[in-house]
Amino acid sequence: MAQALRPNTGVGSLFATDGKPHPVQDTLMVVTLVLGVVSFVTAQFDSLHLLSSWTGLVGILTGAYGQWISETTRQRFGLILGLGASGVGFFLGMAHGGLFGSLW
């Protein structure tokens, strides 16, 4: 009956955590979110296609690795948001000129 004495506060919460520190996973989540926001915002401007495509590509890569090693729902939720923004920014950056810009 020990489980009846412990409060279970994380049940059903989207941001539930296991109570342990995960510095690598949390860092990857924050980096992916920042890169996703930068990529998404800069993709709105045609002349910033280099920045949006490169930050989007790096954001996709860090987010994919973060998903692979993530341990909590909170981390996965943040990574999916960052991956989505990075993907949109990357593809719009590619449509506006790509990773290396115009070659002529």
C-alpha atoms as a PDB file:
ATOM      1  CA  MET A   1       0.000   0.000   0.000  1.00  0.00           C
ATOM      2  CA  ALA A   2       2.985   2.306  -0.288  1.00  0.00           C
ATOM      3  CA  GLN A   3       1.691   3.654  -3.589  1.00  0.00           C
ATOM      4  CA  ALA A   4      -1.432   4.944  -1.854  1.00  0.00           C
ATOM      5  CA  LEU A   5       0.683   7.192   0.380  1.00  0.00           C
ATOM      6  CA  ARG A   6       2.581   8.903  -2.439  1.00  0.00           C
ATOM      7  CA  PRO A   7       0.771  11.690  -4.281  1.00  0.00           C
ATOM      8  CA  ASN A   8       0.778  11.203  -8.017  1.00  0.00           C
ATOM      9  CA  THR A   9       0.812  14.791  -9.252  1.00  0.00           C
ATOM     10  CA  GLY A  10       2.036  14.136 -12.793  1.00  0.00           C
ATOM     11  CA  VAL A  11      -0.781  11.920 -14.022  1.00  0.00           C
ATOM     12  CA  GLY A  12      -2.424  13.338 -17.101  1.00  0.00           C
ATOM     13  CA  SER A  13      -0.222  16.399 -17.286  1.00  0.00           C
ATOM     14  CA  LEU A  14       1.281  17.228 -20.648  1.00  0.00           C
ATOM     15  CA  PHE A  15       4.386  18.592 -18.963  1.00  0.00           C
ATOM     16  CA  ALA A  16       4.830  15.652 -16.595  1.00  0.00           C
ATOM     17  CA  THR A  17       8.392  14.929 -15.603  1.00  0.00           C
ATOM     18  CA  ASP A  18      10.025  12.051 -13.798  1.00  0.00           C
ATOM     19  CA  GLY A  19      11.620  14.321 -11.191  1.00  0.00           C
ATOM     20  CA  LYS A  20      15.182  13.653 -12.370  1.00  0.00           C
ATOM     21  CA  PRO A  21      17.468  16.185 -14.041  1.00  0.00           C
ATOM     22  CA  HIS A  22      18.099  15.705 -17.767  1.00  0.00           C
ATOM     23  CA  PRO A  23      20.495  18.504 -18.714  1.00  0.00           C
ATOM     24  CA  VAL A  24      21.455  17.169 -22.160  1.00  0.00           C
ATOM     25  CA  GLN A  25      17.869  16.571 -23.228  1.00  0.00           C
ATOM     26  CA  ASP A  26      16.690  19.909 -21.841  1.00  0.00           C
ATOM     27  CA  THR A  27      19.535  21.727 -23.614  1.00  0.00           C
ATOM     28  CA  LEU A  28      18.690  20.053 -26.916  1.00  0.00           C
ATOM     29  CA  MET A  29      15.045  21.012 -26.445  1.00  0.00           C
ATOM     30  CA  VAL A  30      15.877  24.677 -25.826  1.00  0.00           C
ATOM     31  CA  VAL A  31      18.365  24.799 -28.727  1.00  0.00           C
ATOM     32  CA  THR A  32      15.809  23.216 -31.062  1.00  0.00           C
ATOM     33  CA  LEU A  33      13.113  25.678 -29.981  1.00  0.00           C
ATOM     34  CA  VAL A  34      15.414  28.693 -30.454  1.00  0.00           C
ATOM     35  CA  LEU A  35      16.624  27.490 -33.855  1.00  0.00           C
ATOM     36  CA  GLY A  36      13.034  26.788 -34.890  1.00  0.00           C
ATOM     37  CA  VAL A  37      11.854  30.258 -33.933  1.00  0.00           C
ATOM     38  CA  VAL A  38      14.805  31.922 -35.685  1.00  0.00           C
ATOM     39  CA  SER A  39      14.308  29.804 -38.781  1.00  0.00           C
ATOM     40  CA  PHE A  40      10.565  30.390 -38.908  1.00  0.00           C
ATOM     41  CA  VAL A  41      10.811  34.156 -38.398  1.00  0.00           C
ATOM     42  CA  THR A  42      13.658  34.691 -40.879  1.00  0.00           C
ATOM     43  CA  ALA A  43      11.889  32.535 -43.476  1.00  0.00           C
ATOM     44  CA  GLN A  44       9.289  35.295 -43.806  1.00  0.00           C
ATOM     45  CA  PHE A  45      11.908  37.470 -45.553  1.00  0.00           C
ATOM     46  CA  ASP A  46      13.216  36.412 -48.974  1.00  0.00           C
ATOM     47  CA  SER A  47      16.640  37.967 -48.441  1.00  0.00           C
ATOM     48  CA  LEU A  48      17.302  35.954 -45.270  1.00  0.00           C
ATOM     49  CA  HIS A  49      17.040  32.552 -46.947  1.00  0.00           C
ATOM     50  CA  LEU A  50      20.589  31.574 -45.984  1.00  0.00           C
ATOM     51  CA  LEU A  51      19.914  32.109 -42.292  1.00  0.00           C
ATOM     52  CA  SER A  52      16.510  30.441 -42.345  1.00  0.00           C
ATOM     53  CA  SER A  53      17.630  27.401 -44.306  1.00  0.00           C
ATOM     54  CA  TRP A  54      20.766  26.766 -42.221  1.00  0.00           C
ATOM     55  CA  THR A  55      19.090  27.320 -38.849  1.00  0.00           C
ATOM     56  CA  GLY A  56      16.210  25.148 -40.005  1.00  0.00           C
ATOM     57  CA  LEU A  57      18.562  22.353 -41.039  1.00  0.00           C
ATOM     58  CA  VAL A  58      20.502  22.461 -37.772  1.00  0.00           C
ATOM     59  CA  GLY A  59      17.227  22.668 -35.838  1.00  0.00           C
ATOM     60  CA  ILE A  60      15.927  19.567 -37.604  1.00  0.00           C
ATOM     61  CA  LEU A  61      19.114  17.662 -36.811  1.00  0.00           C
ATOM     62  CA  THR A  62      19.251  18.689 -33.138  1.00  0.00           C
ATOM     63  CA  GLY A  63      15.538  18.013 -32.758  1.00  0.00           C
ATOM     64  CA  ALA A  64      15.829  14.558 -34.285  1.00  0.00           C
ATOM     65  CA  TYR A  65      18.682  13.642 -31.960  1.00  0.00           C
ATOM     66  CA  GLY A  66      16.788  15.133 -29.030  1.00  0.00           C
ATOM     67  CA  GLN A  67      13.750  13.011 -29.868  1.00  0.00           C
ATOM     68  CA  TRP A  68      15.954   9.949 -29.977  1.00  0.00           C
ATOM     69  CA  ILE A  69      17.336  10.486 -26.463  1.00  0.00           C
ATOM     70  CA  SER A  70      14.365  12.277 -24.826  1.00  0.00           C
ATOM     71  CA  GLU A  71      12.924  10.770 -21.668  1.00  0.00           C
ATOM     72  CA  THR A  72       9.877  12.846 -20.722  1.00  0.00           C
ATOM     73  CA  THR A  73       6.727  14.077 -22.405  1.00  0.00           C
ATOM     74  CA  ARG A  74       7.723  17.685 -21.680  1.00  0.00           C
ATOM     75  CA  GLN A  75      10.922  17.263 -23.673  1.00  0.00           C
ATOM     76  CA  ARG A  76       9.155  15.576 -26.565  1.00  0.00           C
ATOM     77  CA  PHE A  77       6.488  18.278 -26.687  1.00  0.00           C
ATOM     78  CA  GLY A  78       9.080  21.073 -26.893  1.00  0.00           C
ATOM     79  CA  LEU A  79      11.107  19.150 -29.445  1.00  0.00           C
ATOM     80  CA  ILE A  80       8.094  18.630 -31.703  1.00  0.00           C
ATOM     81  CA  LEU A  81       7.295  22.351 -31.609  1.00  0.00           C
ATOM     82  CA  GLY A  82      10.911  23.190 -32.446  1.00  0.00           C
ATOM     83  CA  LEU A  83      11.066  20.557 -35.173  1.00  0.00           C
ATOM     84  CA  GLY A  84       7.893  21.875 -36.794  1.00  0.00           C
ATOM     85  CA  ALA A  85       9.109  25.466 -36.806  1.00  0.00           C
ATOM     86  CA  SER A  86      12.551  24.372 -38.043  1.00  0.00           C
ATOM     87  CA  GLY A  87      10.995  22.327 -40.823  1.00  0.00           C
ATOM     88  CA  VAL A  88       8.774  25.155 -42.033  1.00  0.00           C
ATOM     89  CA  GLY A  89      11.676  27.615 -41.864  1.00  0.00           C
ATOM     90  CA  PHE A  90      13.994  25.215 -43.648  1.00  0.00           C
ATOM     91  CA  PHE A  91      11.610  24.514 -46.504  1.00  0.00           C
ATOM     92  CA  LEU A  92      10.678  28.174 -46.976  1.00  0.00           C
ATOM     93  CA  GLY A  93      14.374  29.067 -46.896  1.00  0.00           C
ATOM     94  CA  MET A  94      15.037  26.443 -49.549  1.00  0.00           C
ATOM     95  CA  ALA A  95      12.205  27.825 -51.668  1.00  0.00           C
ATOM     96  CA  HIS A  96      13.609  31.353 -51.401  1.00  0.00           C
ATOM     97  CA  GLY A  97      17.162  30.483 -52.436  1.00  0.00           C
ATOM     98  CA  GLY A  98      18.505  27.501 -50.570  1.00  0.00           C
ATOM     99  CA  LEU A  99      21.515  26.764 -48.412  1.00  0.00           C
ATOM    100  CA  PHE A 100      24.082  28.388 -50.688  1.00  0.00           C
ATOM    101  CA  GLY A 101      22.088  31.078 -52.416  1.00  0.00           C
ATOM    102  CA  SER A 102      22.054  31.923 -56.059  1.00  0.00           C
ATOM    103  CA  LEU A 103      25.107  30.677 -57.908  1.00  0.00           C
ATOM    104  CA  TRP A 104      24.695  33.158 -60.763  1.00  0.00           C
END
